[in-house]
Each structure stands twice: as C-alpha cells, then as structure tokens.
PDB file of all heavy atoms in Angstrom:
ATOM      1  N   ASN A   1      19.152 209.615 121.108  1.00  0.00           N
ATOM      2  CA  ASN A   1      19.428 211.185 121.085  1.00  0.00           C
ATOM      3  C   ASN A   1      19.696 211.490 119.631  1.00  0.00           C
ATOM      4  O   ASN A   1      20.680 211.117 118.888  1.00  0.00           O
ATOM      5  CB  ASN A   1      20.610 211.405 122.012  1.00  0.00           C
ATOM      6  CG  ASN A   1      20.865 212.794 121.995  1.00  0.00           C
ATOM      7  OD1 ASN A   1      20.470 213.584 121.295  1.00  0.00           O
ATOM      8  ND2 ASN A   1      21.643 213.250 123.054  1.00  0.00           N
ATOM      9  N   PRO A   2      18.819 212.490 119.081  1.00  0.00           N
ATOM     10  CA  PRO A   2      18.922 212.945 117.699  1.00  0.00           C
ATOM     11  C   PRO A   2      20.402 213.407 117.405  1.00  0.00           C
ATOM     12  O   PRO A   2      20.881 213.370 116.280  1.00  0.00           O
ATOM     13  CB  PRO A   2      17.982 213.967 117.420  1.00  0.00           C
ATOM     14  CG  PRO A   2      17.003 213.676 118.483  1.00  0.00           C
ATOM     15  CD  PRO A   2      17.737 213.053 119.658  1.00  0.00           C
ATOM     16  N   ALA A   3      21.063 213.922 118.442  1.00  0.00           N
ATOM     17  CA  ALA A   3      22.330 214.674 118.143  1.00  0.00           C
ATOM     18  C   ALA A   3      23.485 213.617 118.084  1.00  0.00           C
ATOM     19  O   ALA A   3      24.567 213.823 117.618  1.00  0.00           O
ATOM     20  CB  ALA A   3      22.672 215.633 119.340  1.00  0.00           C
ATOM     21  N   LYS A   4      23.090 212.429 118.645  1.00  0.00           N
ATOM     22  CA  LYS A   4      24.300 211.375 118.749  1.00  0.00           C
ATOM     23  C   LYS A   4      23.994 210.225 117.756  1.00  0.00           C
ATOM     24  O   LYS A   4      24.977 209.437 117.499  1.00  0.00           O
ATOM     25  CB  LYS A   4      24.285 210.973 120.214  1.00  0.00           C
ATOM     26  CG  LYS A   4      24.842 211.935 121.135  1.00  0.00           C
ATOM     27  CD  LYS A   4      24.982 211.238 122.554  1.00  0.00           C
ATOM     28  CE  LYS A   4      25.550 212.138 123.488  1.00  0.00           C
ATOM     29  NZ  LYS A   4      25.585 211.579 124.926  1.00  0.00           N
ATOM     30  N   LYS A   5      22.791 209.992 117.294  1.00  0.00           N
ATOM     31  CA  LYS A   5      22.514 208.844 116.523  1.00  0.00           C
ATOM     32  C   LYS A   5      23.313 208.739 115.141  1.00  0.00           C
ATOM     33  O   LYS A   5      23.483 209.844 114.673  1.00  0.00           O
ATOM     34  CB  LYS A   5      20.898 208.682 116.257  1.00  0.00           C
ATOM     35  CG  LYS A   5      20.425 209.480 115.191  1.00  0.00           C
ATOM     36  CD  LYS A   5      18.945 209.032 114.797  1.00  0.00           C
ATOM     37  CE  LYS A   5      18.552 209.728 113.461  1.00  0.00           C
ATOM     38  NZ  LYS A   5      17.183 209.428 113.139  1.00  0.00           N
ATOM     39  N   ILE A   6      23.611 207.594 114.830  1.00  0.00           N
ATOM     40  CA  ILE A   6      24.361 207.416 113.555  1.00  0.00           C
ATOM     41  C   ILE A   6      23.246 207.519 112.379  1.00  0.00           C
ATOM     42  O   ILE A   6      22.258 207.058 112.450  1.00  0.00           O
ATOM     43  CB  ILE A   6      25.123 206.164 113.532  1.00  0.00           C
ATOM     44  CG1 ILE A   6      26.031 205.918 112.289  1.00  0.00           C
ATOM     45  CG2 ILE A   6      24.203 204.869 113.563  1.00  0.00           C
ATOM     46  CD1 ILE A   6      26.970 204.944 112.211  1.00  0.00           C
ATOM     47  N   GLU A   7      23.688 208.219 111.310  1.00  0.00           N
ATOM     48  CA  GLU A   7      22.893 208.422 110.189  1.00  0.00           C
ATOM     49  C   GLU A   7      23.568 207.932 108.853  1.00  0.00           C
ATOM     50  O   GLU A   7      24.842 207.971 108.770  1.00  0.00           O
ATOM     51  CB  GLU A   7      22.300 209.785 110.020  1.00  0.00           C
ATOM     52  CG  GLU A   7      21.331 210.173 111.006  1.00  0.00           C
ATOM     53  CD  GLU A   7      20.770 211.495 110.883  1.00  0.00           C
ATOM     54  OE1 GLU A   7      21.448 212.467 110.552  1.00  0.00           O
ATOM     55  OE2 GLU A   7      19.458 211.673 111.217  1.00  0.00           O
ATOM     56  N   PHE A   8      22.949 207.623 107.720  1.00  0.00           N
ATOM     57  CA  PHE A   8      23.491 207.110 106.572  1.00  0.00           C
ATOM     58  C   PHE A   8      23.141 207.934 105.428  1.00  0.00           C
ATOM     59  O   PHE A   8      22.080 208.413 105.218  1.00  0.00           O
ATOM     60  CB  PHE A   8      23.018 205.643 106.445  1.00  0.00           C
ATOM     61  CG  PHE A   8      23.493 204.743 107.540  1.00  0.00           C
ATOM     62  CD1 PHE A   8      22.725 204.665 108.578  1.00  0.00           C
ATOM     63  CD2 PHE A   8      24.754 204.143 107.536  1.00  0.00           C
ATOM     64  CE1 PHE A   8      23.080 203.817 109.694  1.00  0.00           C
ATOM     65  CE2 PHE A   8      25.043 203.324 108.464  1.00  0.00           C
ATOM     66  CZ  PHE A   8      24.236 203.227 109.788  1.00  0.00           C
ATOM     67  N   ASP A   9      24.124 208.116 104.483  1.00  0.00           N
ATOM     68  CA  ASP A   9      23.899 208.856 103.243  1.00  0.00           C
ATOM     69  C   ASP A   9      23.055 208.053 102.305  1.00  0.00           C
ATOM     70  O   ASP A   9      22.341 208.674 101.392  1.00  0.00           O
ATOM     71  CB  ASP A   9      25.220 209.273 102.644  1.00  0.00           C
ATOM     72  CG  ASP A   9      26.161 210.263 103.491  1.00  0.00           C
ATOM     73  OD1 ASP A   9      25.429 211.018 104.149  1.00  0.00           O
ATOM     74  OD2 ASP A   9      27.322 210.131 103.356  1.00  0.00           O
ATOM     75  N   ALA A  10      23.140 206.798 102.354  1.00  0.00           N
ATOM     76  CA  ALA A  10      22.322 205.939 101.516  1.00  0.00           C
ATOM     77  C   ALA A  10      21.929 204.718 102.270  1.00  0.00           C
ATOM     78  O   ALA A  10      22.692 204.090 103.010  1.00  0.00           O
ATOM     79  CB  ALA A  10      23.192 205.388 100.350  1.00  0.00           C
ATOM     80  N   VAL A  11      20.679 204.277 102.160  1.00  0.00           N
ATOM     81  CA  VAL A  11      20.103 203.131 102.720  1.00  0.00           C
ATOM     82  C   VAL A  11      19.495 202.265 101.506  1.00  0.00           C
ATOM     83  O   VAL A  11      18.703 202.779 100.740  1.00  0.00           O
ATOM     84  CB  VAL A  11      18.944 203.298 103.741  1.00  0.00           C
ATOM     85  CG1 VAL A  11      18.483 202.079 104.311  1.00  0.00           C
ATOM     86  CG2 VAL A  11      19.566 204.253 104.878  1.00  0.00           C
ATOM     87  N   VAL A  12      19.952 201.074 101.441  1.00  0.00           N
ATOM     88  CA  VAL A  12      19.355 200.190 100.385  1.00  0.00           C
ATOM     89  C   VAL A  12      19.026 198.816 101.138  1.00  0.00           C
ATOM     90  O   VAL A  12      19.553 198.443 102.117  1.00  0.00           O
ATOM     91  CB  VAL A  12      20.540 199.771  99.289  1.00  0.00           C
ATOM     92  CG1 VAL A  12      20.732 200.927  98.326  1.00  0.00           C
ATOM     93  CG2 VAL A  12      21.853 199.474  99.892  1.00  0.00           C
ATOM     94  N   ALA A  13      17.960 198.159 100.568  1.00  0.00           N
ATOM     95  CA  ALA A  13      17.494 196.962 101.223  1.00  0.00           C
ATOM     96  C   ALA A  13      16.607 196.087 100.318  1.00  0.00           C
ATOM     97  O   ALA A  13      15.898 196.705  99.552  1.00  0.00           O
ATOM     98  CB  ALA A  13      16.835 197.175 102.512  1.00  0.00           C
ATOM     99  N   ASN A  14      16.750 194.784 100.507  1.00  0.00           N
ATOM    100  CA  ASN A  14      15.790 193.880  99.926  1.00  0.00           C
ATOM    101  C   ASN A  14      15.308 192.957 100.984  1.00  0.00           C
ATOM    102  O   ASN A  14      15.813 191.823 101.045  1.00  0.00           O
ATOM    103  CB  ASN A  14      16.547 193.079  98.707  1.00  0.00           C
ATOM    104  CG  ASN A  14      15.661 191.971  98.078  1.00  0.00           C
ATOM    105  OD1 ASN A  14      14.438 192.005  98.289  1.00  0.00           O
ATOM    106  ND2 ASN A  14      16.282 191.067  97.649  1.00  0.00           N
ATOM    107  N   PRO A  15      14.412 193.356 101.930  1.00  0.00           N
ATOM    108  CA  PRO A  15      14.191 192.489 103.105  1.00  0.00           C
ATOM    109  C   PRO A  15      13.216 191.479 102.561  1.00  0.00           C
ATOM    110  O   PRO A  15      12.629 191.506 101.568  1.00  0.00           O
ATOM    111  CB  PRO A  15      13.400 193.548 103.906  1.00  0.00           C
ATOM    112  CG  PRO A  15      12.862 194.590 103.085  1.00  0.00           C
ATOM    113  CD  PRO A  15      13.751 194.775 101.912  1.00  0.00           C
ATOM    114  N   PRO A  16      12.958 190.465 103.332  1.00  0.00           N
ATOM    115  CA  PRO A  16      12.121 189.323 103.102  1.00  0.00           C
ATOM    116  C   PRO A  16      10.631 189.868 102.768  1.00  0.00           C
ATOM    117  O   PRO A  16      10.208 190.704 103.628  1.00  0.00           O
ATOM    118  CB  PRO A  16      12.084 188.363 104.214  1.00  0.00           C
ATOM    119  CG  PRO A  16      12.795 189.108 105.361  1.00  0.00           C
ATOM    120  CD  PRO A  16      13.627 190.136 104.746  1.00  0.00           C
ATOM    121  N   PHE A  17       9.946 189.528 101.724  1.00  0.00           N
ATOM    122  CA  PHE A  17       8.577 189.986 101.453  1.00  0.00           C
ATOM    123  C   PHE A  17       7.568 189.438 102.421  1.00  0.00           C
ATOM    124  O   PHE A  17       7.501 188.301 102.579  1.00  0.00           O
ATOM    125  CB  PHE A  17       8.303 189.557  99.954  1.00  0.00           C
ATOM    126  CG  PHE A  17       9.271 190.127  98.930  1.00  0.00           C
ATOM    127  CD1 PHE A  17       9.401 189.439  97.763  1.00  0.00           C
ATOM    128  CD2 PHE A  17       9.931 191.323  99.226  1.00  0.00           C
ATOM    129  CE1 PHE A  17      10.314 189.897  96.734  1.00  0.00           C
ATOM    130  CE2 PHE A  17      10.867 191.707  98.295  1.00  0.00           C
ATOM    131  CZ  PHE A  17      11.054 191.043  97.027  1.00  0.00           C
ATOM    132  N   SER A  18       6.714 190.372 102.893  1.00  0.00           N
ATOM    133  CA  SER A  18       5.519 190.006 103.709  1.00  0.00           C
ATOM    134  C   SER A  18       5.919 189.068 104.772  1.00  0.00           C
ATOM    135  O   SER A  18       5.131 188.050 104.953  1.00  0.00           O
ATOM    136  CB  SER A  18       4.427 189.466 102.725  1.00  0.00           C
ATOM    137  OG  SER A  18       4.023 190.417 101.861  1.00  0.00           O
ATOM    138  N   TYR A  19       6.935 189.301 105.515  1.00  0.00           N
ATOM    139  CA  TYR A  19       7.502 188.532 106.581  1.00  0.00           C
ATOM    140  C   TYR A  19       6.580 188.575 107.779  1.00  0.00           C
ATOM    141  O   TYR A  19       6.199 189.751 108.082  1.00  0.00           O
ATOM    142  CB  TYR A  19       8.871 189.054 106.924  1.00  0.00           C
ATOM    143  CG  TYR A  19       9.649 188.395 108.002  1.00  0.00           C
ATOM    144  CD1 TYR A  19      10.159 187.099 107.900  1.00  0.00           C
ATOM    145  CD2 TYR A  19       9.711 188.926 109.296  1.00  0.00           C
ATOM    146  CE1 TYR A  19      10.879 186.476 108.865  1.00  0.00           C
ATOM    147  CE2 TYR A  19      10.421 188.328 110.298  1.00  0.00           C
ATOM    148  CZ  TYR A  19      10.934 187.093 110.053  1.00  0.00           C
ATOM    149  OH  TYR A  19      11.612 186.464 111.215  1.00  0.00           O
ATOM    150  N   ARG A  20       6.187 187.507 108.329  1.00  0.00           N
ATOM    151  CA  ARG A  20       5.247 187.475 109.565  1.00  0.00           C
ATOM    152  C   ARG A  20       6.270 187.762 110.741  1.00  0.00           C
ATOM    153  O   ARG A  20       7.293 187.154 110.955  1.00  0.00           O
ATOM    154  CB  ARG A  20       4.746 186.069 109.679  1.00  0.00           C
ATOM    155  CG  ARG A  20       3.621 185.848 108.564  1.00  0.00           C
ATOM    156  CD  ARG A  20       2.962 184.555 108.886  1.00  0.00           C
ATOM    157  NE  ARG A  20       1.982 184.738 110.054  1.00  0.00           N
ATOM    158  CZ  ARG A  20       0.716 185.292 109.914  1.00  0.00           C
ATOM    159  NH1 ARG A  20       0.246 185.748 108.680  1.00  0.00           N
ATOM    160  NH2 ARG A  20      -0.091 185.438 110.926  1.00  0.00           N
ATOM    161  N   TRP A  21       5.709 188.714 111.499  1.00  0.00           N
ATOM    162  CA  TRP A  21       6.462 189.124 112.791  1.00  0.00           C
ATOM    163  C   TRP A  21       5.565 189.237 113.890  1.00  0.00           C
ATOM    164  O   TRP A  21       4.411 189.027 113.838  1.00  0.00           O
ATOM    165  CB  TRP A  21       7.437 190.257 112.441  1.00  0.00           C
ATOM    166  CG  TRP A  21       6.488 191.697 112.303  1.00  0.00           C
ATOM    167  CD1 TRP A  21       5.400 191.900 111.638  1.00  0.00           C
ATOM    168  CD2 TRP A  21       6.892 192.913 113.015  1.00  0.00           C
ATOM    169  NE1 TRP A  21       4.982 193.138 111.750  1.00  0.00           N
ATOM    170  CE2 TRP A  21       5.824 193.710 112.647  1.00  0.00           C
ATOM    171  CE3 TRP A  21       7.753 193.269 113.771  1.00  0.00           C
ATOM    172  CZ2 TRP A  21       5.851 195.198 113.097  1.00  0.00           C
ATOM    173  CZ3 TRP A  21       7.785 194.640 114.307  1.00  0.00           C
ATOM    174  CH2 TRP A  21       6.792 195.485 113.928  1.00  0.00           C
ATOM    175  N   LYS A  22       6.132 189.625 115.047  1.00  0.00           N
ATOM    176  CA  LYS A  22       5.374 189.785 116.286  1.00  0.00           C
ATOM    177  C   LYS A  22       5.443 191.082 116.866  1.00  0.00           C
ATOM    178  O   LYS A  22       6.368 191.375 117.873  1.00  0.00           O
ATOM    179  CB  LYS A  22       5.837 188.619 117.353  1.00  0.00           C
ATOM    180  CG  LYS A  22       5.619 187.187 116.811  1.00  0.00           C
ATOM    181  CD  LYS A  22       6.139 186.368 117.804  1.00  0.00           C
ATOM    182  CE  LYS A  22       5.936 184.770 117.300  1.00  0.00           C
ATOM    183  NZ  LYS A  22       6.563 183.812 118.235  1.00  0.00           N
ATOM    184  N   PRO A  23       4.622 192.084 116.395  1.00  0.00           N
ATOM    185  CA  PRO A  23       4.805 193.432 117.004  1.00  0.00           C
ATOM    186  C   PRO A  23       4.159 193.387 118.330  1.00  0.00           C
ATOM    187  O   PRO A  23       2.998 192.937 118.681  1.00  0.00           O
ATOM    188  CB  PRO A  23       3.743 194.223 116.002  1.00  0.00           C
ATOM    189  CG  PRO A  23       2.970 193.187 115.392  1.00  0.00           C
ATOM    190  CD  PRO A  23       3.565 192.017 115.328  1.00  0.00           C
ATOM    191  N   THR A  24       4.944 193.986 119.331  1.00  0.00           N
ATOM    192  CA  THR A  24       4.551 193.976 120.673  1.00  0.00           C
ATOM    193  C   THR A  24       4.180 195.455 121.134  1.00  0.00           C
ATOM    194  O   THR A  24       4.453 196.400 120.382  1.00  0.00           O
ATOM    195  CB  THR A  24       5.720 193.452 121.550  1.00  0.00           C
ATOM    196  OG1 THR A  24       6.817 194.382 121.567  1.00  0.00           O
ATOM    197  CG2 THR A  24       6.058 192.113 121.256  1.00  0.00           C
ATOM    198  N   GLU A  25       3.614 195.548 122.387  1.00  0.00           N
ATOM    199  CA  GLU A  25       3.270 196.990 122.995  1.00  0.00           C
ATOM    200  C   GLU A  25       4.539 197.775 123.120  1.00  0.00           C
ATOM    201  O   GLU A  25       4.614 198.954 122.881  1.00  0.00           O
ATOM    202  CB  GLU A  25       2.621 196.699 124.271  1.00  0.00           C
ATOM    203  CG  GLU A  25       1.222 196.301 124.087  1.00  0.00           C
ATOM    204  CD  GLU A  25       0.404 196.137 125.495  1.00  0.00           C
ATOM    205  OE1 GLU A  25       0.864 196.867 126.307  1.00  0.00           O
ATOM    206  OE2 GLU A  25      -0.482 195.514 125.509  1.00  0.00           O
ATOM    207  N   GLU A  26       5.629 196.936 123.440  1.00  0.00           N
ATOM    208  CA  GLU A  26       6.989 197.676 123.679  1.00  0.00           C
ATOM    209  C   GLU A  26       7.431 198.277 122.344  1.00  0.00           C
ATOM    210  O   GLU A  26       7.953 199.328 122.230  1.00  0.00           O
ATOM    211  CB  GLU A  26       8.051 196.675 124.222  1.00  0.00           C
ATOM    212  CG  GLU A  26       9.211 197.260 124.574  1.00  0.00           C
ATOM    213  CD  GLU A  26      10.308 196.231 124.986  1.00  0.00           C
ATOM    214  OE1 GLU A  26       9.912 195.142 125.126  1.00  0.00           O
ATOM    215  OE2 GLU A  26      11.441 196.732 125.275  1.00  0.00           O
TER     216      GLU A  26
END
C-alpha cells in the first residue's frame, strides 16, 4: 500500500556485481 509503505531519504548500496539469480514468474 503506497500510503503505508516505508520510504527512505537516502539509499546507498554496493551489491555483488553481476550476481546470478533465479527470476521466477512470481
């Protein structure tokens, strides 16, 4: 729900590069 979801003034990240994952239909 957009009215209830938590939001952040700043988002920073250094995620693993070109990480292999399993995108599903869900």
